[in-house]
Amino acid sequence: MQVFKSPSDKIAFIAASVLIVVAAAFVFLHKSPVAPAETGITKLKIAATVIPVESLLKEIGGDKVEITLMVPEGQSPHTFEPSPDVISGISEAESVFTIGVIDDWVSPLTRTFGTPEFNVGSGIALKPFKETFTVGEEELPEGGEGYDPHYWLSVANGKIVAKNIAGELSRIDGASADYYAENLRSFLDRADIADAKIRETLSELENRKIITFHDAWGYFADDYGLEVVAVYQPSPGKDPSPQDVKSLIDKARDEGIKTFFSEILMSSAPLKAIGESEGIKVVPLNPLETRGDYLETLVKDAETIRDALK
């Protein structure tokens, strides 16, 4: 059951529902289905909500899959509102592959069009957000339940996601199961190499404590012996209070931290102002970036952290 905190929330929900229905009608009225025999297209049409899912779909699906990305590069899934093009992509997809929690906005649309939805994180143990970083479970997005959805920032979890994707693609397209299995084997071999490289990259850090823009790096930190001791935003899109800012500065001083990690997708001007006043450098670190390759991105993230902290 949808719970509203205020009349304005209820009005916004109703308005969004009306827009979805109107958009659905628009898509149905303007679609001109073409038989596969007429187009010669044999690729699976899969929609991916966010870039990390798209990247891993490319790894496993290869040239057997045509991927439509829902949340484009440069936009945050926390604040994303689907456009008519996105809605159309969902209506035409064989399935929509999701992360969960941060892309719950897709579920009303998949239900509208009857498009199957597949959560790629099946089997991953989600970590609860640290209590000191959150503003209270009652204020978290509905369905979040206080758990961190950024599980892709872990090679170990990336391997689970890849296995899930291979299994689902094989279920949809059984004739290509051997192809997906071979791509999976190749990815798992490269994942082990990337994991070893990340560990080597971070092995000589003396101070392994970091402060990030928001609480997105817990899985990465836990895997590689780092500790996120504070975050700037207590939750995505929520600005810190003056007391939060004071606590952040005090933590940086106490821990001898000289680097803040900002995010490209979020305005970091206030964080930079704090850094300038305290003599702390601010280095961008994007949890949604792939640089074209999932594993390469995680290795480069490790190098960014190492170079900033050494």
Protein backbone atom coordinates (compact mmCIF):
# COMPACT_ATOMS: atom_id res chain seq x y z
CA MET A 1 0.00 0.00 0.00
CA GLN A 2 1.29 3.45 -0.92
CA VAL A 3 1.87 5.59 2.19
CA PHE A 4 1.83 9.37 1.82
CA LYS A 5 3.56 11.72 4.24
CA SER A 6 1.57 14.76 3.12
CA PRO A 7 -1.31 15.78 0.79
CA SER A 8 1.26 17.13 -1.68
CA ASP A 9 2.91 13.70 -1.87
CA LYS A 10 -0.47 12.15 -2.68
CA ILE A 11 -1.14 14.71 -5.40
CA ALA A 12 2.30 14.11 -6.91
CA PHE A 13 1.73 10.34 -6.88
CA ILE A 14 -1.66 10.69 -8.60
CA ALA A 15 -0.19 13.05 -11.20
CA ALA A 16 2.63 10.64 -11.94
CA SER A 17 0.17 7.76 -12.30
CA VAL A 18 -1.91 9.76 -14.78
CA LEU A 19 1.21 10.58 -16.80
CA ILE A 20 2.14 6.90 -16.96
CA VAL A 21 -1.30 5.96 -18.26
CA VAL A 22 -1.23 8.76 -20.85
CA ALA A 23 2.28 7.79 -21.94
CA ALA A 24 1.26 4.15 -22.21
CA ALA A 25 -1.68 5.09 -24.40
CA PHE A 26 0.60 7.25 -26.56
CA VAL A 27 3.04 4.38 -27.08
CA PHE A 28 0.35 1.86 -27.93
CA LEU A 29 -1.30 4.23 -30.43
CA HIS A 30 1.96 5.08 -32.17
CA LYS A 31 3.66 1.69 -32.23
CA SER A 32 3.84 0.00 -35.63
CA PRO A 33 4.99 -3.54 -34.93
CA VAL A 34 7.15 -5.07 -37.66
CA ALA A 35 7.58 -8.81 -37.94
CA PRO A 36 11.13 -10.11 -37.42
CA ALA A 37 11.04 -11.61 -40.93
CA GLU A 38 10.65 -8.13 -42.38
CA THR A 39 13.51 -6.57 -40.41
CA GLY A 40 15.97 -9.44 -40.17
CA ILE A 41 16.65 -8.48 -36.53
CA THR A 42 17.32 -11.46 -34.30
CA LYS A 43 18.87 -9.73 -31.27
CA LEU A 44 17.11 -9.78 -27.92
CA LYS A 45 15.77 -6.37 -26.97
CA ILE A 46 16.69 -5.83 -23.31
CA ALA A 47 16.27 -2.62 -21.32
CA ALA A 48 18.79 -1.81 -18.56
CA THR A 49 17.87 0.76 -15.94
CA VAL A 50 21.40 1.98 -15.08
CA ILE A 51 24.87 2.00 -16.63
CA PRO A 52 26.42 -0.80 -14.49
CA VAL A 53 23.63 -3.16 -15.58
CA GLU A 54 24.10 -2.11 -19.21
CA SER A 55 27.84 -2.70 -18.93
CA LEU A 56 27.46 -6.22 -17.55
CA LEU A 57 24.75 -7.02 -20.10
CA LYS A 58 27.24 -6.11 -22.84
CA GLU A 59 29.81 -8.42 -21.27
CA ILE A 60 27.49 -11.44 -21.25
CA GLY A 61 25.03 -10.67 -24.05
CA GLY A 62 27.61 -9.58 -26.58
CA ASP A 63 26.24 -9.26 -30.11
CA LYS A 64 23.16 -11.32 -29.25
CA VAL A 65 21.56 -8.49 -27.28
CA GLU A 66 20.34 -5.01 -28.20
CA ILE A 67 20.35 -2.90 -25.03
CA THR A 68 18.31 0.21 -24.29
CA LEU A 69 19.68 2.24 -21.38
CA MET A 70 16.95 3.83 -19.26
CA VAL A 71 18.94 6.30 -17.12
CA PRO A 72 21.47 7.95 -19.46
CA GLU A 73 24.98 8.91 -18.53
CA GLY A 74 25.05 12.14 -16.54
CA GLN A 75 21.75 11.55 -14.74
CA SER A 76 21.19 10.13 -11.28
CA PRO A 77 18.76 7.21 -10.79
CA HIS A 78 17.88 8.74 -7.41
CA THR A 79 16.17 11.71 -9.08
CA PHE A 80 15.37 10.26 -12.53
CA GLU A 81 11.99 10.79 -14.20
CA PRO A 82 11.32 8.58 -17.26
CA SER A 83 10.80 10.36 -20.57
CA PRO A 84 8.42 9.20 -23.36
CA ASP A 85 11.42 7.60 -25.14
CA VAL A 86 12.26 5.62 -22.01
CA ILE A 87 8.66 4.54 -21.63
CA SER A 88 8.59 3.44 -25.26
CA GLY A 89 11.80 1.45 -24.73
CA ILE A 90 10.22 -0.41 -21.82
CA SER A 91 7.14 -1.24 -23.88
CA GLU A 92 9.26 -2.75 -26.66
CA ALA A 93 11.73 -4.67 -24.49
CA GLU A 94 11.72 -8.43 -24.01
CA SER A 95 12.68 -7.78 -20.39
CA VAL A 96 13.88 -4.94 -18.15
CA PHE A 97 16.98 -5.67 -16.06
CA THR A 98 17.13 -3.70 -12.81
CA ILE A 99 19.41 -3.08 -9.82
CA GLY A 100 16.60 -2.70 -7.28
CA VAL A 101 15.73 0.05 -4.75
CA ILE A 102 17.21 2.96 -6.74
CA ASP A 103 15.23 2.06 -9.87
CA ASP A 104 11.88 1.14 -8.33
CA TRP A 105 10.32 3.82 -10.55
CA VAL A 106 10.38 1.26 -13.39
CA SER A 107 7.94 -1.20 -11.78
CA PRO A 108 4.70 0.72 -12.48
CA LEU A 109 5.77 0.96 -16.13
CA THR A 110 6.66 -2.72 -16.53
CA ARG A 111 3.32 -3.61 -14.98
CA THR A 112 1.52 -1.27 -17.38
CA PHE A 113 3.08 -2.89 -20.44
CA GLY A 114 3.32 -6.43 -19.08
CA THR A 115 7.09 -6.38 -19.61
CA PRO A 116 9.00 -8.87 -17.44
CA GLU A 117 11.35 -7.32 -14.87
CA PHE A 118 14.54 -9.06 -13.73
CA ASN A 119 16.54 -7.96 -10.67
CA VAL A 120 20.20 -8.74 -11.42
CA GLY A 121 21.14 -8.72 -7.70
CA SER A 122 19.44 -11.98 -6.79
CA GLY A 123 21.54 -13.85 -4.21
CA ILE A 124 23.53 -10.80 -3.07
CA ALA A 125 23.37 -10.05 0.65
CA LEU A 126 22.54 -6.36 0.86
CA LYS A 127 24.33 -4.36 3.55
CA PRO A 128 22.34 -2.03 5.81
CA PHE A 129 23.31 1.61 5.65
CA LYS A 130 25.37 2.72 8.63
CA GLU A 131 23.00 4.26 11.15
CA THR A 132 25.22 7.29 11.65
CA PHE A 133 25.01 8.08 7.92
CA THR A 134 21.23 7.91 7.49
CA VAL A 135 18.45 10.25 8.52
CA GLY A 136 16.22 7.54 9.91
CA GLU A 137 14.62 4.56 8.22
CA GLU A 138 11.25 6.27 8.07
CA GLU A 139 12.70 8.85 5.67
CA LEU A 140 14.33 6.39 3.27
CA PRO A 141 12.63 5.74 -0.10
CA GLU A 142 9.76 3.27 0.17
CA GLY A 143 11.06 -0.26 -0.44
CA GLY A 144 14.64 0.67 0.47
CA GLU A 145 14.30 -0.68 4.00
CA GLY A 146 17.59 0.95 4.94
CA TYR A 147 19.74 -1.27 2.70
CA ASP A 148 22.54 -0.12 0.41
CA PRO A 149 21.75 -0.79 -3.30
CA HIS A 150 25.25 0.05 -4.61
CA TYR A 151 26.32 -3.60 -4.61
CA TRP A 152 27.82 -3.42 -8.11
CA LEU A 153 30.84 -1.57 -6.62
CA SER A 154 32.33 -4.94 -5.69
CA VAL A 155 34.01 -7.38 -8.05
CA ALA A 156 32.66 -10.29 -6.01
CA ASN A 157 29.11 -9.00 -6.43
CA GLY A 158 29.76 -8.22 -10.08
CA LYS A 159 30.51 -11.91 -10.60
CA ILE A 160 27.16 -12.82 -9.04
CA VAL A 161 25.38 -10.29 -11.24
CA ALA A 162 27.10 -11.68 -14.34
CA LYS A 163 26.00 -15.21 -13.44
CA ASN A 164 22.44 -14.01 -12.91
CA ILE A 165 22.44 -12.22 -16.26
CA ALA A 166 23.82 -15.27 -18.07
CA GLY A 167 21.15 -17.45 -16.49
CA GLU A 168 18.31 -15.12 -17.42
CA LEU A 169 19.49 -14.54 -20.99
CA SER A 170 19.83 -18.30 -21.42
CA ARG A 171 16.30 -18.76 -20.11
CA ILE A 172 14.92 -16.22 -22.59
CA ASP A 173 17.13 -17.35 -25.49
CA GLY A 174 17.94 -21.01 -24.91
CA ALA A 175 19.40 -21.43 -28.40
CA SER A 176 22.27 -19.09 -27.44
CA ALA A 177 22.91 -20.54 -23.95
CA ASP A 178 26.40 -21.82 -24.88
CA TYR A 179 27.33 -18.37 -26.19
CA TYR A 180 26.28 -16.68 -22.95
CA ALA A 181 28.06 -19.34 -20.88
CA GLU A 182 31.32 -18.78 -22.77
CA ASN A 183 31.08 -15.01 -22.29
CA LEU A 184 30.46 -15.60 -18.59
CA ARG A 185 33.55 -17.80 -18.26
CA SER A 186 35.67 -15.12 -19.94
CA PHE A 187 34.25 -12.42 -17.67
CA LEU A 188 34.84 -14.44 -14.47
CA ASP A 189 38.49 -15.01 -15.45
CA ARG A 190 39.01 -11.28 -16.03
CA ALA A 191 37.15 -10.48 -12.81
CA ASP A 192 39.67 -12.48 -10.78
CA ILE A 193 42.50 -10.57 -12.44
CA ALA A 194 40.80 -7.23 -11.75
CA ASP A 195 40.19 -8.15 -8.11
CA ALA A 196 43.88 -8.98 -7.63
CA LYS A 197 44.87 -5.71 -9.33
CA ILE A 198 42.63 -3.65 -7.03
CA ARG A 199 44.06 -5.34 -3.94
CA GLU A 200 47.59 -4.67 -5.15
CA THR A 201 46.74 -1.04 -5.98
CA LEU A 202 45.42 -0.33 -2.48
CA SER A 203 47.84 -2.55 -0.54
CA GLU A 204 50.31 0.13 0.55
CA LEU A 205 47.87 2.77 1.79
CA GLU A 206 48.60 3.79 5.38
CA ASN A 207 45.44 5.78 6.14
CA ARG A 208 42.56 3.68 4.78
CA LYS A 209 39.77 5.93 6.05
CA ILE A 210 37.73 7.89 3.52
CA ILE A 211 34.93 10.48 3.41
CA THR A 212 32.55 10.29 0.45
CA PHE A 213 29.73 12.41 -0.94
CA HIS A 214 27.03 9.90 -0.02
CA ASP A 215 27.01 6.37 1.32
CA ALA A 216 27.69 4.50 -1.94
CA TRP A 217 31.10 2.91 -1.37
CA GLY A 218 30.42 0.49 1.48
CA TYR A 219 30.74 -2.70 -0.60
CA PHE A 220 33.96 -1.55 -2.24
CA ALA A 221 35.40 -0.44 1.12
CA ASP A 222 34.52 -3.71 2.84
CA ASP A 223 36.06 -5.78 0.04
CA TYR A 224 39.34 -3.90 -0.01
CA GLY A 225 40.01 -2.91 3.58
CA LEU A 226 38.88 0.71 3.45
CA GLU A 227 36.63 2.44 5.99
CA VAL A 228 34.03 5.05 5.11
CA VAL A 229 34.06 7.16 8.27
CA ALA A 230 31.66 9.91 7.14
CA VAL A 231 29.54 11.08 4.22
CA TYR A 232 28.49 14.57 3.13
CA GLN A 233 24.86 13.81 2.23
CA PRO A 234 23.00 11.84 4.93
CA SER A 235 20.81 10.40 2.14
CA PRO A 236 20.65 11.00 -1.65
CA GLY A 237 19.31 14.44 -2.46
CA LYS A 238 19.14 15.55 1.19
CA ASP A 239 21.47 18.36 2.15
CA PRO A 240 23.29 18.06 5.47
CA SER A 241 22.30 20.20 8.43
CA PRO A 242 24.81 22.64 9.96
CA GLN A 243 25.36 20.05 12.72
CA ASP A 244 26.06 17.39 10.06
CA VAL A 245 28.64 19.66 8.44
CA LYS A 246 30.31 20.32 11.78
CA SER A 247 30.46 16.58 12.48
CA LEU A 248 31.98 16.00 9.03
CA ILE A 249 34.71 18.57 9.65
CA ASP A 250 35.41 17.23 13.13
CA LYS A 251 35.68 13.69 11.75
CA ALA A 252 38.12 14.79 9.04
CA ARG A 253 40.28 16.56 11.62
CA ASP A 254 40.19 13.67 14.08
CA GLU A 255 41.08 11.07 11.45
CA GLY A 256 43.69 13.19 9.67
CA ILE A 257 41.75 12.99 6.40
CA LYS A 258 42.95 15.36 3.69
CA THR A 259 40.68 14.25 0.82
CA PHE A 260 36.93 14.36 0.22
CA PHE A 261 35.53 12.21 -2.59
CA SER A 262 32.78 14.06 -4.46
CA GLU A 263 30.42 12.84 -7.20
CA ILE A 264 30.10 14.07 -10.76
CA LEU A 265 26.31 13.64 -10.82
CA MET A 266 25.72 15.65 -7.65
CA SER A 267 26.49 19.31 -7.02
CA SER A 268 29.63 19.27 -4.91
CA ALA A 269 30.13 23.04 -4.63
CA PRO A 270 29.27 23.09 -0.88
CA LEU A 271 31.67 20.20 -0.28
CA LYS A 272 34.40 22.02 -2.18
CA ALA A 273 33.77 25.13 -0.07
CA ILE A 274 34.23 23.07 3.09
CA GLY A 275 37.37 21.53 1.65
CA GLU A 276 38.87 24.90 0.77
CA SER A 277 38.20 26.25 4.26
CA GLU A 278 39.86 23.19 5.85
CA GLY A 279 42.71 22.68 3.37
CA ILE A 280 41.18 19.43 2.10
CA LYS A 281 41.28 18.50 -1.59
CA VAL A 282 38.12 17.28 -3.32
CA VAL A 283 38.45 14.41 -5.84
CA PRO A 284 35.53 13.18 -8.02
CA LEU A 285 34.58 9.52 -7.74
CA ASN A 286 31.50 8.41 -9.71
CA PRO A 287 29.71 5.23 -8.50
CA LEU A 288 27.76 4.98 -11.78
CA GLU A 289 30.59 5.46 -14.25
CA THR A 290 31.82 2.51 -16.35
CA ARG A 291 34.28 4.09 -18.78
CA GLY A 292 33.02 1.50 -21.25
CA ASP A 293 34.13 -1.49 -19.19
CA TYR A 294 32.82 -2.58 -15.79
CA LEU A 295 36.00 -4.20 -14.47
CA GLU A 296 38.29 -1.54 -15.86
CA THR A 297 36.20 1.08 -14.08
CA LEU A 298 36.60 -0.56 -10.68
CA VAL A 299 40.37 -0.81 -11.20
CA LYS A 300 40.50 2.89 -12.11
CA ASP A 301 38.38 3.75 -9.07
CA ALA A 302 41.00 2.02 -6.91
CA GLU A 303 43.76 3.98 -8.63
CA THR A 304 41.86 7.24 -8.05
CA ILE A 305 41.51 6.45 -4.35
CA ARG A 306 45.17 5.43 -4.04
CA ASP A 307 46.45 8.54 -5.80
CA ALA A 308 44.23 10.79 -3.67
CA LEU A 309 45.24 9.23 -0.35
CA LYS A 310 48.94 8.54 -0.79
